[in-house]
C-alpha atoms as a PDB file:
ATOM      1  CA  MET A   1     -14.619  15.912  -0.849  1.00  0.00           C
ATOM      2  CA  THR A   2     -12.612  18.884  -1.873  1.00  0.00           C
ATOM      3  CA  ARG A   3      -9.734  17.194  -3.535  1.00  0.00           C
ATOM      4  CA  GLU A   4      -8.078  13.081  -4.432  1.00  0.00           C
ATOM      5  CA  VAL A   5      -6.474  11.888  -1.638  1.00  0.00           C
ATOM      6  CA  ARG A   6      -3.809   8.882  -1.687  1.00  0.00           C
ATOM      7  CA  VAL A   7      -5.139   6.309   0.498  1.00  0.00           C
ATOM      8  CA  ALA A   8      -3.310   3.175   1.364  1.00  0.00           C
ATOM      9  CA  VAL A   9      -4.842  -0.111   2.589  1.00  0.00           C
ATOM     10  CA  PHE A  10      -3.566  -3.290   3.540  1.00  0.00           C
ATOM     11  CA  ARG A  11      -6.052  -6.017   3.399  1.00  0.00           C
ATOM     12  CA  PRO A  12      -4.937  -9.692   2.002  1.00  0.00           C
ATOM     13  CA  ASP A  13      -4.881  -9.898  -1.853  1.00  0.00           C
ATOM     14  CA  ASP A  14      -8.131 -11.309  -2.862  1.00  0.00           C
ATOM     15  CA  GLU A  15     -11.611 -10.136  -3.247  1.00  0.00           C
ATOM     16  CA  ARG A  16     -10.981  -8.018  -0.256  1.00  0.00           C
ATOM     17  CA  MET A  17      -8.359  -5.997  -1.788  1.00  0.00           C
ATOM     18  CA  VAL A  18     -10.700  -5.979  -4.896  1.00  0.00           C
ATOM     19  CA  ASP A  19     -13.610  -4.623  -2.702  1.00  0.00           C
ATOM     20  CA  ALA A  20     -11.341  -2.110  -0.858  1.00  0.00           C
ATOM     21  CA  VAL A  21     -10.137  -0.377  -4.262  1.00  0.00           C
ATOM     22  CA  GLU A  22     -13.769  -0.183  -5.321  1.00  0.00           C
ATOM     23  CA  LEU A  23     -14.751   1.631  -2.397  1.00  0.00           C
ATOM     24  CA  LEU A  24     -11.912   4.044  -2.213  1.00  0.00           C
ATOM     25  CA  GLU A  25     -12.742   5.069  -5.746  1.00  0.00           C
ATOM     26  CA  SER A  26     -16.046   5.211  -5.231  1.00  0.00           C
ATOM     27  CA  LEU A  27     -15.333   7.601  -2.624  1.00  0.00           C
ATOM     28  CA  GLY A  28     -13.179   9.531  -4.738  1.00  0.00           C
ATOM     29  CA  ALA A  29     -10.129   8.829  -3.440  1.00  0.00           C
ATOM     30  CA  ILE A  30      -6.764   7.135  -5.418  1.00  0.00           C
ATOM     31  CA  PRO A  31      -6.233   3.577  -3.522  1.00  0.00           C
ATOM     32  CA  VAL A  32      -2.706   2.330  -2.669  1.00  0.00           C
ATOM     33  CA  PRO A  33      -2.870  -1.403  -2.505  1.00  0.00           C
ATOM     34  CA  ASP A  34       0.069  -2.867  -0.712  1.00  0.00           C
ATOM     35  CA  PRO A  35      -1.296  -6.160   0.992  1.00  0.00           C
ATOM     36  CA  MET A  36       0.384  -6.358   4.456  1.00  0.00           C
ATOM     37  CA  LEU A  37      -1.456  -9.998   4.945  1.00  0.00           C
ATOM     38  CA  ALA A  38      -1.326 -13.419   3.359  1.00  0.00           C
ATOM     39  CA  VAL A  39      -3.713 -16.482   4.489  1.00  0.00           C
ATOM     40  CA  GLU A  40      -2.032 -19.851   4.977  1.00  0.00           C
ATOM     41  CA  PRO A  41      -4.198 -22.610   5.936  1.00  0.00           C
ATOM     42  CA  THR A  42      -3.771 -24.820   8.631  1.00  0.00           C
ATOM     43  CA  GLY A  43      -6.183 -27.521   7.356  1.00  0.00           C
ATOM     44  CA  ASN A  44      -7.409 -27.638  10.806  1.00  0.00           C
ATOM     45  CA  VAL A  45     -11.205 -27.963  11.622  1.00  0.00           C
ATOM     46  CA  PRO A  46     -12.965 -28.126  15.025  1.00  0.00           C
ATOM     47  CA  GLY A  47     -13.217 -31.711  16.346  1.00  0.00           C
ATOM     48  CA  ASP A  48     -10.099 -33.052  14.528  1.00  0.00           C
ATOM     49  CA  GLY A  49      -7.575 -32.773  16.879  1.00  0.00           C
ATOM     50  CA  GLY A  50      -6.287 -29.387  15.538  1.00  0.00           C
ATOM     51  CA  SER A  51      -7.623 -27.467  18.533  1.00  0.00           C
ATOM     52  CA  ASP A  52      -5.871 -27.168  21.958  1.00  0.00           C
ATOM     53  CA  THR A  53      -7.644 -30.006  23.634  1.00  0.00           C
ATOM     54  CA  ASP A  54      -8.301 -33.628  22.716  1.00  0.00           C
ATOM     55  CA  ASP A  55     -11.605 -33.417  24.004  1.00  0.00           C
ATOM     56  CA  GLU A  56     -13.720 -33.841  20.757  1.00  0.00           C
ATOM     57  CA  THR A  57     -16.895 -33.140  22.919  1.00  0.00           C
ATOM     58  CA  ASN A  58     -19.455 -31.362  20.701  1.00  0.00           C
ATOM     59  CA  PRO A  59     -19.531 -27.732  21.683  1.00  0.00           C
ATOM     60  CA  ASP A  60     -22.658 -25.617  22.653  1.00  0.00           C
ATOM     61  CA  VAL A  61     -21.752 -22.352  21.100  1.00  0.00           C
ATOM     62  CA  VAL A  62     -19.027 -21.997  17.759  1.00  0.00           C
ATOM     63  CA  VAL A  63     -17.466 -18.655  17.888  1.00  0.00           C
ATOM     64  CA  LEU A  64     -16.531 -17.705  14.078  1.00  0.00           C
ATOM     65  CA  THR A  65     -14.505 -14.220  13.964  1.00  0.00           C
ATOM     66  CA  SER A  66     -13.837 -13.899   9.821  1.00  0.00           C
ATOM     67  CA  LYS A  67     -15.077 -14.769   6.753  1.00  0.00           C
ATOM     68  CA  THR A  68     -12.198 -16.303   5.903  1.00  0.00           C
ATOM     69  CA  GLY A  69     -12.569 -18.688   8.405  1.00  0.00           C
ATOM     70  CA  VAL A  70     -16.136 -19.816   7.259  1.00  0.00           C
ATOM     71  CA  GLU A  71     -15.036 -19.945   3.917  1.00  0.00           C
ATOM     72  CA  LEU A  72     -12.154 -22.663   4.984  1.00  0.00           C
ATOM     73  CA  LEU A  73     -14.733 -24.404   7.317  1.00  0.00           C
ATOM     74  CA  ASP A  74     -17.197 -24.752   4.332  1.00  0.00           C
ATOM     75  CA  ASP A  75     -14.539 -25.621   2.073  1.00  0.00           C
ATOM     76  CA  ALA A  76     -13.821 -28.647   4.300  1.00  0.00           C
ATOM     77  CA  GLY A  77     -16.989 -29.692   4.763  1.00  0.00           C
ATOM     78  CA  TRP A  78     -17.766 -28.739   8.162  1.00  0.00           C
ATOM     79  CA  GLY A  79     -20.800 -27.561   9.519  1.00  0.00           C
ATOM     80  CA  PRO A  80     -21.782 -25.970  12.972  1.00  0.00           C
ATOM     81  CA  GLY A  81     -23.948 -29.175  13.857  1.00  0.00           C
ATOM     82  CA  ALA A  82     -26.248 -28.547  16.628  1.00  0.00           C
ATOM     83  CA  ALA A  83     -24.205 -25.953  18.240  1.00  0.00           C
ATOM     84  CA  ALA A  84     -25.446 -22.273  18.481  1.00  0.00           C
ATOM     85  CA  LEU A  85     -23.314 -20.140  15.953  1.00  0.00           C
ATOM     86  CA  ALA A  86     -22.023 -16.981  16.815  1.00  0.00           C
ATOM     87  CA  CYS A  87     -20.368 -14.553  14.297  1.00  0.00           C
ATOM     88  CA  ILE A  88     -18.597 -11.269  14.810  1.00  0.00           C
ATOM     89  CA  GLY A  89     -20.026  -9.000  12.366  1.00  0.00           C
ATOM     90  CA  PRO A  90     -21.965  -9.140   9.358  1.00  0.00           C
ATOM     91  CA  ARG A  91     -19.313  -9.944   6.867  1.00  0.00           C
ATOM     92  CA  THR A  92     -18.687 -13.134   8.340  1.00  0.00           C
ATOM     93  CA  ALA A  93     -22.456 -13.870   9.120  1.00  0.00           C
ATOM     94  CA  ALA A  94     -23.536 -13.314   5.665  1.00  0.00           C
ATOM     95  CA  ALA A  95     -20.482 -15.743   4.617  1.00  0.00           C
ATOM     96  CA  ALA A  96     -22.120 -18.240   6.930  1.00  0.00           C
ATOM     97  CA  HIS A  97     -25.733 -18.104   5.314  1.00  0.00           C
ATOM     98  CA  ASP A  98     -24.275 -18.349   2.142  1.00  0.00           C
ATOM     99  CA  ALA A  99     -22.430 -21.638   3.355  1.00  0.00           C
ATOM    100  CA  GLY A 100     -26.160 -22.667   4.652  1.00  0.00           C
ATOM    101  CA  TRP A 101     -25.695 -22.236   8.201  1.00  0.00           C
ATOM    102  CA  THR A 102     -27.851 -20.442  10.619  1.00  0.00           C
ATOM    103  CA  VAL A 103     -26.470 -17.797  12.465  1.00  0.00           C
ATOM    104  CA  ASP A 104     -27.720 -17.923  16.063  1.00  0.00           C
ATOM    105  CA  LEU A 105     -26.134 -14.271  17.250  1.00  0.00           C
ATOM    106  CA  VAL A 106     -24.502 -11.246  15.986  1.00  0.00           C
ATOM    107  CA  PRO A 107     -23.240  -8.474  18.209  1.00  0.00           C
ATOM    108  CA  ALA A 108     -23.999  -5.085  18.415  1.00  0.00           C
ATOM    109  CA  GLU A 109     -20.635  -4.221  18.599  1.00  0.00           C
ATOM    110  CA  TYR A 110     -18.412  -6.003  16.317  1.00  0.00           C
ATOM    111  CA  SER A 111     -15.467  -6.989  18.583  1.00  0.00           C
ATOM    112  CA  SER A 112     -13.910  -9.538  20.529  1.00  0.00           C
ATOM    113  CA  SER A 113     -15.212  -7.710  23.837  1.00  0.00           C
ATOM    114  CA  GLY A 114     -18.496  -7.286  21.860  1.00  0.00           C
ATOM    115  CA  LEU A 115     -18.891 -11.029  21.456  1.00  0.00           C
ATOM    116  CA  VAL A 116     -18.061 -11.933  24.906  1.00  0.00           C
ATOM    117  CA  ALA A 117     -20.498  -9.132  26.359  1.00  0.00           C
ATOM    118  CA  ALA A 118     -23.170 -10.725  23.779  1.00  0.00           C
ATOM    119  CA  LEU A 119     -22.909 -13.903  24.389  1.00  0.00           C
ATOM    120  CA  GLU A 120     -23.343 -13.012  28.358  1.00  0.00           C
ATOM    121  CA  GLY A 121     -26.735 -11.255  27.489  1.00  0.00           C
ATOM    122  CA  GLY A 122     -25.444  -8.007  26.357  1.00  0.00           C
ATOM    123  CA  GLY A 123     -26.721  -6.154  23.112  1.00  0.00           C
ATOM    124  CA  SER A 124     -26.533  -8.416  20.040  1.00  0.00           C
ATOM    125  CA  GLU A 125     -27.700  -7.367  16.400  1.00  0.00           C
ATOM    126  CA  THR A 126     -29.255 -10.930  15.695  1.00  0.00           C
ATOM    127  CA  ARG A 127     -30.274 -13.310  18.041  1.00  0.00           C
ATOM    128  CA  SER A 128     -32.328 -16.458  17.751  1.00  0.00           C
ATOM    129  CA  ALA A 129     -34.583 -18.513  19.601  1.00  0.00           C
ATOM    130  CA  ALA A 130     -31.829 -21.170  19.912  1.00  0.00           C
ATOM    131  CA  ALA A 131     -29.227 -18.610  21.120  1.00  0.00           C
ATOM    132  CA  ALA A 132     -31.943 -17.309  23.598  1.00  0.00           C
ATOM    133  CA  ASP A 133     -32.468 -20.777  25.287  1.00  0.00           C
ATOM    134  CA  VAL A 134     -28.955 -22.089  24.960  1.00  0.00           C
ATOM    135  CA  LEU A 135     -27.485 -18.827  26.356  1.00  0.00           C
ATOM    136  CA  ALA A 136     -30.017 -18.060  29.163  1.00  0.00           C
ATOM    137  CA  ASP A 137     -27.626 -18.245  31.813  1.00  0.00           C
ATOM    138  CA  GLY A 138     -24.505 -16.712  29.578  1.00  0.00           C
ATOM    139  CA  VAL A 139     -21.782 -19.088  28.882  1.00  0.00           C
ATOM    140  CA  ALA A 140     -20.932 -20.565  32.095  1.00  0.00           C
ATOM    141  CA  GLY A 141     -20.643 -24.327  32.341  1.00  0.00           C
ATOM    142  CA  LEU A 142     -20.997 -24.333  28.080  1.00  0.00           C
ATOM    143  CA  ARG A 143     -18.187 -25.569  25.980  1.00  0.00           C
ATOM    144  CA  VAL A 144     -17.406 -22.582  23.631  1.00  0.00           C
ATOM    145  CA  GLU A 145     -15.374 -23.537  20.459  1.00  0.00           C
ATOM    146  CA  VAL A 146     -13.522 -20.356  18.872  1.00  0.00           C
ATOM    147  CA  ALA A 147     -12.356 -20.984  15.445  1.00  0.00           C
ATOM    148  CA  ARG A 148     -10.129 -18.452  13.605  1.00  0.00           C
ATOM    149  CA  SER A 149      -6.936 -17.608  12.841  1.00  0.00           C
ATOM    150  CA  ASP A 150      -3.758 -17.825  14.839  1.00  0.00           C
ATOM    151  CA  HIS A 151      -3.385 -13.750  15.492  1.00  0.00           C
ATOM    152  CA  GLY A 152      -6.884 -13.606  17.237  1.00  0.00           C
ATOM    153  CA  SER A 153      -7.081 -11.228  20.521  1.00  0.00           C
ATOM    154  CA  ASP A 154      -6.625 -12.839  23.902  1.00  0.00           C
ATOM    155  CA  VAL A 155      -9.592 -10.591  24.708  1.00  0.00           C
ATOM    156  CA  LEU A 156     -11.933 -12.872  23.458  1.00  0.00           C
ATOM    157  CA  LEU A 157     -10.804 -16.386  24.892  1.00  0.00           C
ATOM    158  CA  ASP A 158      -9.639 -14.449  28.655  1.00  0.00           C
ATOM    159  CA  GLY A 159     -13.360 -13.194  28.187  1.00  0.00           C
ATOM    160  CA  LEU A 160     -15.091 -16.191  27.896  1.00  0.00           C
ATOM    161  CA  ARG A 161     -12.851 -17.820  30.247  1.00  0.00           C
ATOM    162  CA  GLU A 162     -13.934 -15.169  33.256  1.00  0.00           C
ATOM    163  CA  ALA A 163     -17.347 -15.615  32.420  1.00  0.00           C
ATOM    164  CA  GLY A 164     -16.885 -19.349  33.416  1.00  0.00           C
ATOM    165  CA  ALA A 165     -17.187 -21.290  29.915  1.00  0.00           C
ATOM    166  CA  ASP A 166     -15.054 -24.352  28.914  1.00  0.00           C
ATOM    167  CA  VAL A 167     -13.374 -22.592  26.156  1.00  0.00           C
ATOM    168  CA  HIS A 168     -11.606 -24.612  23.153  1.00  0.00           C
ATOM    169  CA  GLU A 169      -9.471 -22.750  20.165  1.00  0.00           C
ATOM    170  CA  THR A 170      -8.977 -24.162  16.850  1.00  0.00           C
ATOM    171  CA  VAL A 171      -6.476 -22.282  14.434  1.00  0.00           C
ATOM    172  CA  LEU A 172      -8.020 -22.081  10.843  1.00  0.00           C
ATOM    173  CA  TYR A 173      -5.175 -20.006   9.344  1.00  0.00           C
ATOM    174  CA  ARG A 174      -1.975 -18.466   9.752  1.00  0.00           C
ATOM    175  CA  LEU A 175      -1.701 -14.780   8.944  1.00  0.00           C
ATOM    176  CA  VAL A 176       1.837 -13.963   7.362  1.00  0.00           C
ATOM    177  CA  SER A 177       3.540 -10.987   5.604  1.00  0.00           C
ATOM    178  CA  PRO A 178       3.229 -11.855   1.891  1.00  0.00           C
ATOM    179  CA  GLU A 179       6.560 -11.169  -0.132  1.00  0.00           C
ATOM    180  CA  GLY A 180       7.116  -7.933  -1.935  1.00  0.00           C
ATOM    181  CA  SER A 181       4.744  -6.094   0.183  1.00  0.00           C
ATOM    182  CA  GLY A 182       5.438  -2.339   1.612  1.00  0.00           C
ATOM    183  CA  GLN A 183       5.972  -0.163  -1.121  1.00  0.00           C
ATOM    184  CA  SER A 184       3.459   1.953   0.917  1.00  0.00           C
ATOM    185  CA  THR A 185       6.320   2.701   3.711  1.00  0.00           C
ATOM    186  CA  VAL A 186       8.228   4.289   1.177  1.00  0.00           C
ATOM    187  CA  MET A 187       5.289   6.638   0.051  1.00  0.00           C
ATOM    188  CA  ALA A 188       4.689   7.566   3.781  1.00  0.00           C
ATOM    189  CA  ALA A 189       8.250   8.059   4.308  1.00  0.00           C
ATOM    190  CA  GLY A 190       8.318  10.357   1.593  1.00  0.00           C
ATOM    191  CA  GLY A 191       5.081  12.165   2.343  1.00  0.00           C
ATOM    192  CA  GLU A 192       3.324  11.047  -0.544  1.00  0.00           C
ATOM    193  CA  LEU A 193       0.184   9.437   1.095  1.00  0.00           C
ATOM    194  CA  ASP A 194      -2.613  11.285   2.778  1.00  0.00           C
ATOM    195  CA  ALA A 195      -3.888   8.570   4.450  1.00  0.00           C
ATOM    196  CA  VAL A 196      -4.083   5.051   5.484  1.00  0.00           C
ATOM    197  CA  CYS A 197      -6.494   2.256   7.287  1.00  0.00           C
ATOM    198  CA  PHE A 198      -5.104  -0.141   9.258  1.00  0.00           C
ATOM    199  CA  THR A 199      -7.629  -3.182   9.430  1.00  0.00           C
ATOM    200  CA  SER A 200      -5.859  -5.012  12.643  1.00  0.00           C
ATOM    201  CA  SER A 201      -2.576  -4.674  14.832  1.00  0.00           C
ATOM    202  CA  LEU A 202      -1.084  -7.506  12.839  1.00  0.00           C
ATOM    203  CA  THR A 203      -0.952  -4.585   9.632  1.00  0.00           C
ATOM    204  CA  VAL A 204       0.286  -2.174  11.833  1.00  0.00           C
ATOM    205  CA  GLU A 205       3.126  -4.130  12.514  1.00  0.00           C
ATOM    206  CA  ASN A 206       4.041  -5.772   9.509  1.00  0.00           C
ATOM    207  CA  PHE A 207       3.745  -2.407   7.771  1.00  0.00           C
ATOM    208  CA  LEU A 208       6.617  -0.945  10.534  1.00  0.00           C
ATOM    209  CA  ASP A 209       8.629  -4.166   9.659  1.00  0.00           C
ATOM    210  CA  ALA A 210       8.347  -3.916   6.002  1.00  0.00           C
ATOM    211  CA  ALA A 211       9.427  -0.205   6.984  1.00  0.00           C
ATOM    212  CA  ALA A 212      12.329  -1.086   8.759  1.00  0.00           C
ATOM    213  CA  GLU A 213      13.463  -3.755   6.131  1.00  0.00           C
ATOM    214  CA  ARG A 214      13.943  -0.994   3.600  1.00  0.00           C
ATOM    215  CA  GLY A 215      15.297   1.843   6.162  1.00  0.00           C
ATOM    216  CA  VAL A 216      12.686   3.918   6.135  1.00  0.00           C
ATOM    217  CA  ARG A 217      10.944   2.936   9.756  1.00  0.00           C
ATOM    218  CA  ASP A 218      11.224   6.342  11.630  1.00  0.00           C
ATOM    219  CA  GLU A 219      10.695   8.418   8.608  1.00  0.00           C
ATOM    220  CA  ALA A 220       7.573   6.222   7.722  1.00  0.00           C
ATOM    221  CA  ILE A 221       6.185   7.151  11.306  1.00  0.00           C
ATOM    222  CA  ALA A 222       6.540  11.008  10.656  1.00  0.00           C
ATOM    223  CA  GLY A 223       4.701  10.631   7.631  1.00  0.00           C
ATOM    224  CA  LEU A 224       1.997   8.734   8.992  1.00  0.00           C
ATOM    225  CA  ASN A 225       1.691  11.283  11.726  1.00  0.00           C
ATOM    226  CA  ARG A 226       1.602  13.850   8.904  1.00  0.00           C
ATOM    227  CA  ALA A 227      -1.724  11.920   7.390  1.00  0.00           C
ATOM    228  CA  VAL A 228      -4.766  10.607   8.293  1.00  0.00           C
ATOM    229  CA  VAL A 229      -4.541   7.311  10.214  1.00  0.00           C
ATOM    230  CA  GLY A 230      -7.577   5.358  10.407  1.00  0.00           C
ATOM    231  CA  THR A 231      -7.835   1.874  12.417  1.00  0.00           C
ATOM    232  CA  ILE A 232     -10.459  -0.678  13.134  1.00  0.00           C
ATOM    233  CA  GLY A 233     -10.947  -0.969  16.275  1.00  0.00           C
ATOM    234  CA  GLU A 234      -9.518  -0.003  19.853  1.00  0.00           C
ATOM    235  CA  PRO A 235      -6.927  -2.736  19.994  1.00  0.00           C
ATOM    236  CA  THR A 236      -5.548  -2.097  16.721  1.00  0.00           C
ATOM    237  CA  ARG A 237      -5.336   2.176  17.587  1.00  0.00           C
ATOM    238  CA  GLU A 238      -3.555   0.749  20.891  1.00  0.00           C
ATOM    239  CA  THR A 239      -1.156  -1.051  18.759  1.00  0.00           C
ATOM    240  CA  ALA A 240      -0.851   1.972  16.728  1.00  0.00           C
ATOM    241  CA  GLU A 241      -0.107   4.254  19.302  1.00  0.00           C
ATOM    242  CA  SER A 242       2.329   1.967  21.372  1.00  0.00           C
ATOM    243  CA  TYR A 243       4.454   2.577  18.148  1.00  0.00           C
ATOM    244  CA  GLY A 244       4.107   6.117  18.103  1.00  0.00           C
ATOM    245  CA  ILE A 245       1.448   6.598  15.387  1.00  0.00           C
ATOM    246  CA  ARG A 246      -1.263   8.938  16.131  1.00  0.00           C
ATOM    247  CA  VAL A 247      -4.758   7.880  14.921  1.00  0.00           C
ATOM    248  CA  ASP A 248      -7.095  10.276  13.819  1.00  0.00           C
ATOM    249  CA  VAL A 249      -9.926   8.026  13.417  1.00  0.00           C
ATOM    250  CA  VAL A 250     -11.766   4.594  14.696  1.00  0.00           C
ATOM    251  CA  PRO A 251     -15.376   4.317  13.167  1.00  0.00           C
ATOM    252  CA  GLU A 252     -18.013   3.034  15.716  1.00  0.00           C
ATOM    253  CA  ASP A 253     -18.648   0.092  13.638  1.00  0.00           C
ATOM    254  CA  ALA A 254     -16.126  -2.349  12.944  1.00  0.00           C
ATOM    255  CA  THR A 255     -16.322  -2.248   9.574  1.00  0.00           C
ATOM    256  CA  PHE A 256     -14.020  -1.563   6.526  1.00  0.00           C
ATOM    257  CA  GLU A 257     -16.679   0.504   4.591  1.00  0.00           C
ATOM    258  CA  GLN A 258     -17.013   2.538   7.723  1.00  0.00           C
ATOM    259  CA  LEU A 259     -13.175   2.725   8.130  1.00  0.00           C
ATOM    260  CA  ALA A 260     -12.778   4.146   4.221  1.00  0.00           C
ATOM    261  CA  THR A 261     -15.102   6.286   4.545  1.00  0.00           C
ATOM    262  CA  ALA A 262     -14.470   8.107   7.819  1.00  0.00           C
ATOM    263  CA  VAL A 263     -11.027   8.258   6.672  1.00  0.00           C
ATOM    264  CA  VAL A 264     -11.547   9.957   3.394  1.00  0.00           C
ATOM    265  CA  GLU A 265     -13.579  12.306   4.777  1.00  0.00           C
ATOM    266  CA  ALA A 266     -11.346  13.021   7.489  1.00  0.00           C
ATOM    267  CA  SER A 267      -8.619  13.666   4.531  1.00  0.00           C
ATOM    268  CA  ALA A 268     -10.282  15.726   2.417  1.00  0.00           C
ATOM    269  CA  PRO A 269     -13.609  17.002   4.267  1.00  0.00           C
ATOM    270  CA  THR A 270     -16.581  17.923   1.953  1.00  0.00           C
ATOM    271  CA  TYR A 271     -17.749  21.184   2.791  1.00  0.00           C
ATOM    272  CA  ARG A 272     -20.974  23.036   2.581  1.00  0.00           C
ATOM    273  CA  ASP A 273     -22.395  26.221   2.396  1.00  0.00           C
END
């Protein structure tokens, strides 16, 4: 990298932010940590009446979409039982392994649409013999339990239902905007940011809400459009673009490491002879 760049990151104020700051520093960037999400556990677990149904029939497949969800379930003493366990990506799968659970399926594409495709027999990074057996004919007729946050993408539920699954959702936690966040919006408005890393549609929306509260929404959007904007996944890109924010980087793998690396490189590319 030819120069240091200021990169705003909006992860929750926990080990994810610590890891993000360390990664950006290792890439030679100056991190600007500004949490745009906070986790509020609901106390719900699959089968306890906290889902959208009173039918407590054991699921054939359980889908988990975040490390946070895995940790909340593990703390509650929950386990997948005999169900095949699908995780959206390697970070979620690693947390499930740490909890002592067998992960049966990880999609090749770490996204809601990638999960649907993998459950329907498409590309997968991990597919156990149990998953191959349970999903031999896809998810048609199977009971699929999706346990996640209150801001999960409709792409997952709609895709599974369209494939013929009996889908039930349990909201494990709510994602809210933490008090005191938003200093990065002022920096963006003042042209003090070189890049930002949006990790979900909600981080985009909370950033803009924080900017509006400070009276700098239009200026912050203009500042972002002078910087390098990176997003994880197409849904986040679409949300940003719907608000007039130009998106420069969407990594092929939906991981923060890939996002941060691509954003830093785009902000201050390494020139070689």
